[in-house]
Amino acid sequence: MSGTEKTKAQAEQAKGKAKEMTGRALGNERMTAEGHADQAKGNARQAKEDVKDTLRHH
């Protein structure tokens, strides 16, 4: 996985986790949902890069 994409995926996951935690602490369901969505985007980006890596190495 390229370093840049890996970093972006991890940053998106961390941002989502922070937003989710803040939303839960404040009782803000919308912020909690946005946090979940950000984490899902980060997970999807990481999965895409993992597939690319697998295809490159085979």
N, C-alpha and C. Protein backbone atom coordinates (compact mmCIF):
# COMPACT_ATOMS: atom_id res chain seq x y z
N MET A 1 0.86 -1.17 0.00
CA MET A 1 0.00 0.00 0.00
C MET A 1 0.89 1.22 0.00
N SER A 2 0.56 2.20 -0.82
CA SER A 2 1.38 3.40 -0.84
C SER A 2 1.27 4.11 0.50
N GLY A 3 2.36 4.71 0.90
CA GLY A 3 2.40 5.38 2.20
C GLY A 3 1.38 6.49 2.32
N THR A 4 1.18 7.24 1.25
CA THR A 4 0.23 8.35 1.28
C THR A 4 -1.19 7.85 1.48
N GLU A 5 -1.58 6.84 0.74
CA GLU A 5 -2.94 6.30 0.86
C GLU A 5 -3.14 5.63 2.21
N LYS A 6 -2.13 4.96 2.70
CA LYS A 6 -2.22 4.33 4.02
C LYS A 6 -2.43 5.39 5.09
N THR A 7 -1.68 6.47 4.98
CA THR A 7 -1.80 7.57 5.94
C THR A 7 -3.18 8.20 5.87
N LYS A 8 -3.69 8.41 4.65
CA LYS A 8 -5.02 8.98 4.49
C LYS A 8 -6.08 8.07 5.11
N ALA A 9 -5.96 6.78 4.90
CA ALA A 9 -6.93 5.83 5.45
C ALA A 9 -6.91 5.87 6.98
N GLN A 10 -5.71 5.86 7.55
CA GLN A 10 -5.59 5.89 9.01
C GLN A 10 -6.11 7.21 9.58
N ALA A 11 -5.83 8.32 8.90
CA ALA A 11 -6.31 9.62 9.37
C ALA A 11 -7.83 9.68 9.33
N GLU A 12 -8.42 9.14 8.26
CA GLU A 12 -9.87 9.14 8.14
C GLU A 12 -10.51 8.27 9.22
N GLN A 13 -9.88 7.14 9.51
CA GLN A 13 -10.40 6.27 10.56
C GLN A 13 -10.30 6.95 11.93
N ALA A 14 -9.18 7.61 12.19
CA ALA A 14 -9.00 8.29 13.48
C ALA A 14 -9.97 9.46 13.62
N LYS A 15 -10.14 10.22 12.54
CA LYS A 15 -11.08 11.35 12.55
C LYS A 15 -12.49 10.85 12.84
N GLY A 16 -12.86 9.76 12.20
CA GLY A 16 -14.19 9.18 12.41
C GLY A 16 -14.39 8.71 13.83
N LYS A 17 -13.37 8.07 14.38
CA LYS A 17 -13.46 7.56 15.75
C LYS A 17 -13.62 8.72 16.73
N ALA A 18 -12.85 9.80 16.53
CA ALA A 18 -12.93 10.97 17.40
C ALA A 18 -14.31 11.62 17.30
N LYS A 19 -14.82 11.73 16.07
CA LYS A 19 -16.13 12.35 15.87
C LYS A 19 -17.22 11.50 16.50
N GLU A 20 -17.08 10.18 16.37
CA GLU A 20 -18.07 9.27 16.97
C GLU A 20 -18.06 9.41 18.49
N MET A 21 -16.88 9.42 19.07
CA MET A 21 -16.77 9.53 20.54
C MET A 21 -17.33 10.86 21.03
N THR A 22 -17.03 11.93 20.32
CA THR A 22 -17.54 13.25 20.69
C THR A 22 -19.06 13.27 20.58
N GLY A 23 -19.57 12.72 19.51
CA GLY A 23 -21.02 12.66 19.32
C GLY A 23 -21.71 11.89 20.43
N ARG A 24 -21.11 10.79 20.81
CA ARG A 24 -21.70 9.99 21.91
C ARG A 24 -21.67 10.77 23.22
N ALA A 25 -20.54 11.44 23.48
CA ALA A 25 -20.40 12.19 24.73
C ALA A 25 -21.41 13.34 24.80
N LEU A 26 -21.69 13.94 23.65
CA LEU A 26 -22.62 15.07 23.61
C LEU A 26 -24.07 14.64 23.39
N GLY A 27 -24.27 13.36 23.10
CA GLY A 27 -25.61 12.87 22.81
C GLY A 27 -26.09 13.32 21.44
N ASN A 28 -25.13 13.59 20.54
CA ASN A 28 -25.44 14.08 19.20
C ASN A 28 -25.41 12.89 18.22
N GLU A 29 -26.58 12.40 17.87
CA GLU A 29 -26.67 11.22 17.01
C GLU A 29 -26.12 11.49 15.62
N ARG A 30 -26.33 12.69 15.11
CA ARG A 30 -25.83 13.03 13.76
C ARG A 30 -24.31 12.96 13.72
N MET A 31 -23.66 13.52 14.74
CA MET A 31 -22.20 13.51 14.78
C MET A 31 -21.69 12.08 14.93
N THR A 32 -22.38 11.28 15.71
CA THR A 32 -22.01 9.88 15.89
C THR A 32 -22.10 9.14 14.54
N ALA A 33 -23.19 9.39 13.80
CA ALA A 33 -23.37 8.76 12.50
C ALA A 33 -22.29 9.21 11.51
N GLU A 34 -21.96 10.51 11.54
CA GLU A 34 -20.90 11.01 10.66
C GLU A 34 -19.57 10.35 10.99
N GLY A 35 -19.32 10.11 12.27
CA GLY A 35 -18.10 9.42 12.69
C GLY A 35 -18.04 8.01 12.13
N HIS A 36 -19.17 7.32 12.19
CA HIS A 36 -19.23 5.97 11.62
C HIS A 36 -18.95 6.01 10.12
N ALA A 37 -19.53 6.99 9.44
CA ALA A 37 -19.34 7.10 8.00
C ALA A 37 -17.88 7.38 7.66
N ASP A 38 -17.23 8.26 8.42
CA ASP A 38 -15.82 8.56 8.18
C ASP A 38 -14.95 7.32 8.39
N GLN A 39 -15.27 6.55 9.42
CA GLN A 39 -14.52 5.32 9.67
C GLN A 39 -14.73 4.34 8.52
N ALA A 40 -15.94 4.23 8.02
CA ALA A 40 -16.23 3.32 6.91
C ALA A 40 -15.46 3.74 5.67
N LYS A 41 -15.37 5.04 5.41
CA LYS A 41 -14.60 5.52 4.25
C LYS A 41 -13.13 5.15 4.41
N GLY A 42 -12.60 5.32 5.61
CA GLY A 42 -11.21 4.95 5.86
C GLY A 42 -10.98 3.46 5.68
N ASN A 43 -11.92 2.67 6.17
CA ASN A 43 -11.82 1.22 6.01
C ASN A 43 -11.88 0.82 4.54
N ALA A 44 -12.75 1.46 3.78
CA ALA A 44 -12.88 1.16 2.35
C ALA A 44 -11.60 1.53 1.61
N ARG A 45 -11.03 2.68 1.96
CA ARG A 45 -9.78 3.11 1.31
C ARG A 45 -8.67 2.11 1.60
N GLN A 46 -8.59 1.66 2.85
CA GLN A 46 -7.56 0.71 3.24
C GLN A 46 -7.78 -0.63 2.52
N ALA A 47 -9.03 -1.08 2.43
CA ALA A 47 -9.32 -2.34 1.75
C ALA A 47 -8.94 -2.25 0.27
N LYS A 48 -9.24 -1.12 -0.36
CA LYS A 48 -8.90 -0.93 -1.77
C LYS A 48 -7.39 -1.03 -1.97
N GLU A 49 -6.63 -0.41 -1.09
CA GLU A 49 -5.17 -0.45 -1.20
C GLU A 49 -4.63 -1.85 -0.93
N ASP A 50 -5.27 -2.57 -0.01
CA ASP A 50 -4.85 -3.95 0.27
C ASP A 50 -5.06 -4.83 -0.97
N VAL A 51 -6.16 -4.64 -1.67
CA VAL A 51 -6.43 -5.40 -2.89
C VAL A 51 -5.38 -5.07 -3.94
N LYS A 52 -5.08 -3.79 -4.09
CA LYS A 52 -4.05 -3.37 -5.06
C LYS A 52 -2.71 -4.04 -4.73
N ASP A 53 -2.35 -4.04 -3.44
CA ASP A 53 -1.09 -4.67 -3.02
C ASP A 53 -1.09 -6.15 -3.35
N THR A 54 -2.19 -6.82 -3.09
CA THR A 54 -2.30 -8.25 -3.36
C THR A 54 -2.13 -8.53 -4.85
N LEU A 55 -2.76 -7.72 -5.68
CA LEU A 55 -2.66 -7.92 -7.13
C LEU A 55 -1.25 -7.63 -7.64
N ARG A 56 -0.58 -6.67 -7.05
CA ARG A 56 0.79 -6.34 -7.47
C ARG A 56 1.77 -7.46 -7.14
N HIS A 57 1.52 -8.16 -6.05
CA HIS A 57 2.46 -9.15 -5.56
C HIS A 57 2.19 -10.55 -6.12
N HIS A 58 1.19 -10.69 -6.96
CA HIS A 58 0.88 -12.02 -7.50
C HIS A 58 1.05 -12.04 -8.99
